[in-house]
Structure formats: structure tokens, C-alpha cells
């Protein structure tokens, strides 16, 4: 049985910054599984978007990565790498 979860980021005044719908395989999961699902969904949404804005997900590239790619066109983000970084 799958379950739908909506993650909403809001400011302290209640303005919605971001909203993301996740479909999870089970009602019971670990925090790590929830974070992994969220990161993977954010990366999929980023890749599907034609908007050239930078990636604004839960896990951000490290400083040296931002510097390295700041003068180049945006590249595809590997969600498995981002998930591994978050587990550190």
C-alpha cells in the first residue's frame, strides 16, 4: 500500500516557499528513507524543468562544486550522489 505525503516549506509568516508531493511505498519508513525520497523527487523535478534557475533542493552542492560549475551551464544532478552526501 502506498501513501501520499506533501512536504511544504513555509516562512515564519506562513508563505509557502516550496511544496513537494511524494508517493511513498509504505506508511512506515525511516527518516533516511524520507530524506532520500525527497531528494530524489527534487532532482527529478529539477531535471524535468526547462527553467534555468539553479538547483534549490534540500541538499545543496558543496562550495567547491558551486564554484566549479558557476561559469558553466547547469548539468544534470545525480540523486544517488546527493543522497550519499546527505548521509554524511
C-alpha atoms as a PDB file:
ATOM      1  CA  UNK A   1       0.000   0.000   0.000  1.00  0.00           C
ATOM      2  CA  UNK A   2       1.415   3.374  -0.956  1.00  0.00           C
ATOM      3  CA  UNK A   3       0.826   6.648   0.825  1.00  0.00           C
ATOM      4  CA  UNK A   4       0.931  10.227  -0.457  1.00  0.00           C
ATOM      5  CA  UNK A   5       2.816  12.809   1.597  1.00  0.00           C
ATOM      6  CA  UNK A   6       3.097  16.519   0.910  1.00  0.00           C
ATOM      7  CA  UNK A   7       6.173  18.348   2.159  1.00  0.00           C
ATOM      8  CA  UNK A   8       5.672  22.082   2.443  1.00  0.00           C
ATOM      9  CA  UNK A   9       8.350  24.606   3.327  1.00  0.00           C
ATOM     10  CA  UNK A  10       6.957  27.804   4.788  1.00  0.00           C
ATOM     11  CA  UNK A  11       8.312  31.050   6.156  1.00  0.00           C
ATOM     12  CA  UNK A  12       7.503  32.021   9.724  1.00  0.00           C
ATOM     13  CA  UNK A  13       4.725  34.243   8.343  1.00  0.00           C
ATOM     14  CA  UNK A  14       3.156  31.269   6.549  1.00  0.00           C
ATOM     15  CA  UNK A  15       4.226  31.991   2.976  1.00  0.00           C
ATOM     16  CA  UNK A  16       4.839  28.757   1.065  1.00  0.00           C
ATOM     17  CA  UNK A  17       8.359  28.589  -0.345  1.00  0.00           C
ATOM     18  CA  UNK A  18       8.165  25.120  -1.832  1.00  0.00           C
ATOM     19  CA  UNK A  19       5.697  22.257  -1.924  1.00  0.00           C
ATOM     20  CA  UNK A  20       6.563  18.727  -2.975  1.00  0.00           C
ATOM     21  CA  UNK A  21       4.261  15.710  -3.222  1.00  0.00           C
ATOM     22  CA  UNK A  22       5.832  12.307  -2.548  1.00  0.00           C
ATOM     23  CA  UNK A  23       4.365   8.875  -3.077  1.00  0.00           C
ATOM     24  CA  UNK A  24       5.891   6.509  -0.522  1.00  0.00           C
ATOM     25  CA  UNK A  25       5.775   2.715  -0.688  1.00  0.00           C
ATOM     26  CA  UNK A  26       4.810   2.271   2.956  1.00  0.00           C
ATOM     27  CA  UNK A  27       3.357   4.138   5.915  1.00  0.00           C
ATOM     28  CA  UNK A  28       6.400   3.135   7.973  1.00  0.00           C
ATOM     29  CA  UNK A  29       9.808   4.413   6.949  1.00  0.00           C
ATOM     30  CA  UNK A  30      12.981   5.780   8.448  1.00  0.00           C
ATOM     31  CA  UNK A  31      13.962   9.441   8.360  1.00  0.00           C
ATOM     32  CA  UNK A  32      16.800   8.489   5.997  1.00  0.00           C
ATOM     33  CA  UNK A  33      14.281   6.915   3.591  1.00  0.00           C
ATOM     34  CA  UNK A  34      12.094  10.023   3.754  1.00  0.00           C
ATOM     35  CA  UNK A  35      15.066  12.311   3.042  1.00  0.00           C
ATOM     36  CA  UNK A  36      16.225  10.062   0.189  1.00  0.00           C
ATOM     37  CA  UNK A  37      12.723  10.100  -1.344  1.00  0.00           C
ATOM     38  CA  UNK A  38      12.552  13.871  -1.059  1.00  0.00           C
ATOM     39  CA  UNK A  39      15.987  14.440  -2.600  1.00  0.00           C
ATOM     40  CA  UNK A  40      15.261  12.053  -5.468  1.00  0.00           C
ATOM     41  CA  UNK A  41      11.919  13.806  -6.170  1.00  0.00           C
ATOM     42  CA  UNK A  42      13.574  17.259  -6.071  1.00  0.00           C
ATOM     43  CA  UNK A  43      16.271  16.152  -8.503  1.00  0.00           C
ATOM     44  CA  UNK A  44      13.694  14.590 -10.867  1.00  0.00           C
ATOM     45  CA  UNK A  45      11.663  17.825 -10.782  1.00  0.00           C
ATOM     46  CA  UNK A  46      14.816  19.880 -11.437  1.00  0.00           C
ATOM     47  CA  UNK A  47      15.726  17.754 -14.459  1.00  0.00           C
ATOM     48  CA  UNK A  48      12.173  17.847 -15.832  1.00  0.00           C
ATOM     49  CA  UNK A  49      12.001  21.642 -15.584  1.00  0.00           C
ATOM     50  CA  UNK A  50      13.023  23.834 -18.504  1.00  0.00           C
ATOM     51  CA  UNK A  51      13.605  26.707 -16.050  1.00  0.00           C
ATOM     52  CA  UNK A  52      17.344  27.577 -15.985  1.00  0.00           C
ATOM     53  CA  UNK A  53      17.336  28.587 -12.295  1.00  0.00           C
ATOM     54  CA  UNK A  54      19.891  26.858 -10.054  1.00  0.00           C
ATOM     55  CA  UNK A  55      19.001  23.734  -8.104  1.00  0.00           C
ATOM     56  CA  UNK A  56      17.297  24.698  -4.816  1.00  0.00           C
ATOM     57  CA  UNK A  57      16.853  21.323  -3.147  1.00  0.00           C
ATOM     58  CA  UNK A  58      17.245  20.188   0.444  1.00  0.00           C
ATOM     59  CA  UNK A  59      20.854  19.126  -0.178  1.00  0.00           C
ATOM     60  CA  UNK A  60      22.991  21.723  -1.921  1.00  0.00           C
ATOM     61  CA  UNK A  61      26.260  21.180  -3.791  1.00  0.00           C
ATOM     62  CA  UNK A  62      29.337  21.859  -1.709  1.00  0.00           C
ATOM     63  CA  UNK A  63      31.167  25.195  -2.042  1.00  0.00           C
ATOM     64  CA  UNK A  64      33.862  23.909  -4.393  1.00  0.00           C
ATOM     65  CA  UNK A  65      31.208  22.341  -6.639  1.00  0.00           C
ATOM     66  CA  UNK A  66      29.298  25.613  -6.845  1.00  0.00           C
ATOM     67  CA  UNK A  67      32.486  27.437  -7.775  1.00  0.00           C
ATOM     68  CA  UNK A  68      33.459  24.802 -10.336  1.00  0.00           C
ATOM     69  CA  UNK A  69      30.124  24.873 -12.158  1.00  0.00           C
ATOM     70  CA  UNK A  70      29.195  28.546 -11.722  1.00  0.00           C
ATOM     71  CA  UNK A  71      30.660  29.556 -15.096  1.00  0.00           C
ATOM     72  CA  UNK A  72      29.340  26.518 -16.955  1.00  0.00           C
ATOM     73  CA  UNK A  73      25.789  25.713 -17.991  1.00  0.00           C
ATOM     74  CA  UNK A  74      23.883  23.702 -15.372  1.00  0.00           C
ATOM     75  CA  UNK A  75      24.497  19.973 -15.545  1.00  0.00           C
ATOM     76  CA  UNK A  76      22.352  17.045 -14.537  1.00  0.00           C
ATOM     77  CA  UNK A  77      22.453  16.222 -10.835  1.00  0.00           C
ATOM     78  CA  UNK A  78      22.908  12.596  -9.791  1.00  0.00           C
ATOM     79  CA  UNK A  79      20.398  11.921  -6.998  1.00  0.00           C
ATOM     80  CA  UNK A  80      22.369   8.942  -5.704  1.00  0.00           C
ATOM     81  CA  UNK A  81      25.397  11.150  -5.075  1.00  0.00           C
ATOM     82  CA  UNK A  82      23.267  13.826  -3.387  1.00  0.00           C
ATOM     83  CA  UNK A  83      21.681  11.152  -1.152  1.00  0.00           C
ATOM     84  CA  UNK A  84      25.133   9.856  -0.200  1.00  0.00           C
ATOM     85  CA  UNK A  85      26.296  13.368   0.678  1.00  0.00           C
ATOM     86  CA  UNK A  86      23.256  13.878   2.919  1.00  0.00           C
ATOM     87  CA  UNK A  87      24.045  10.699   4.888  1.00  0.00           C
ATOM     88  CA  UNK A  88      27.465  12.021   5.902  1.00  0.00           C
END
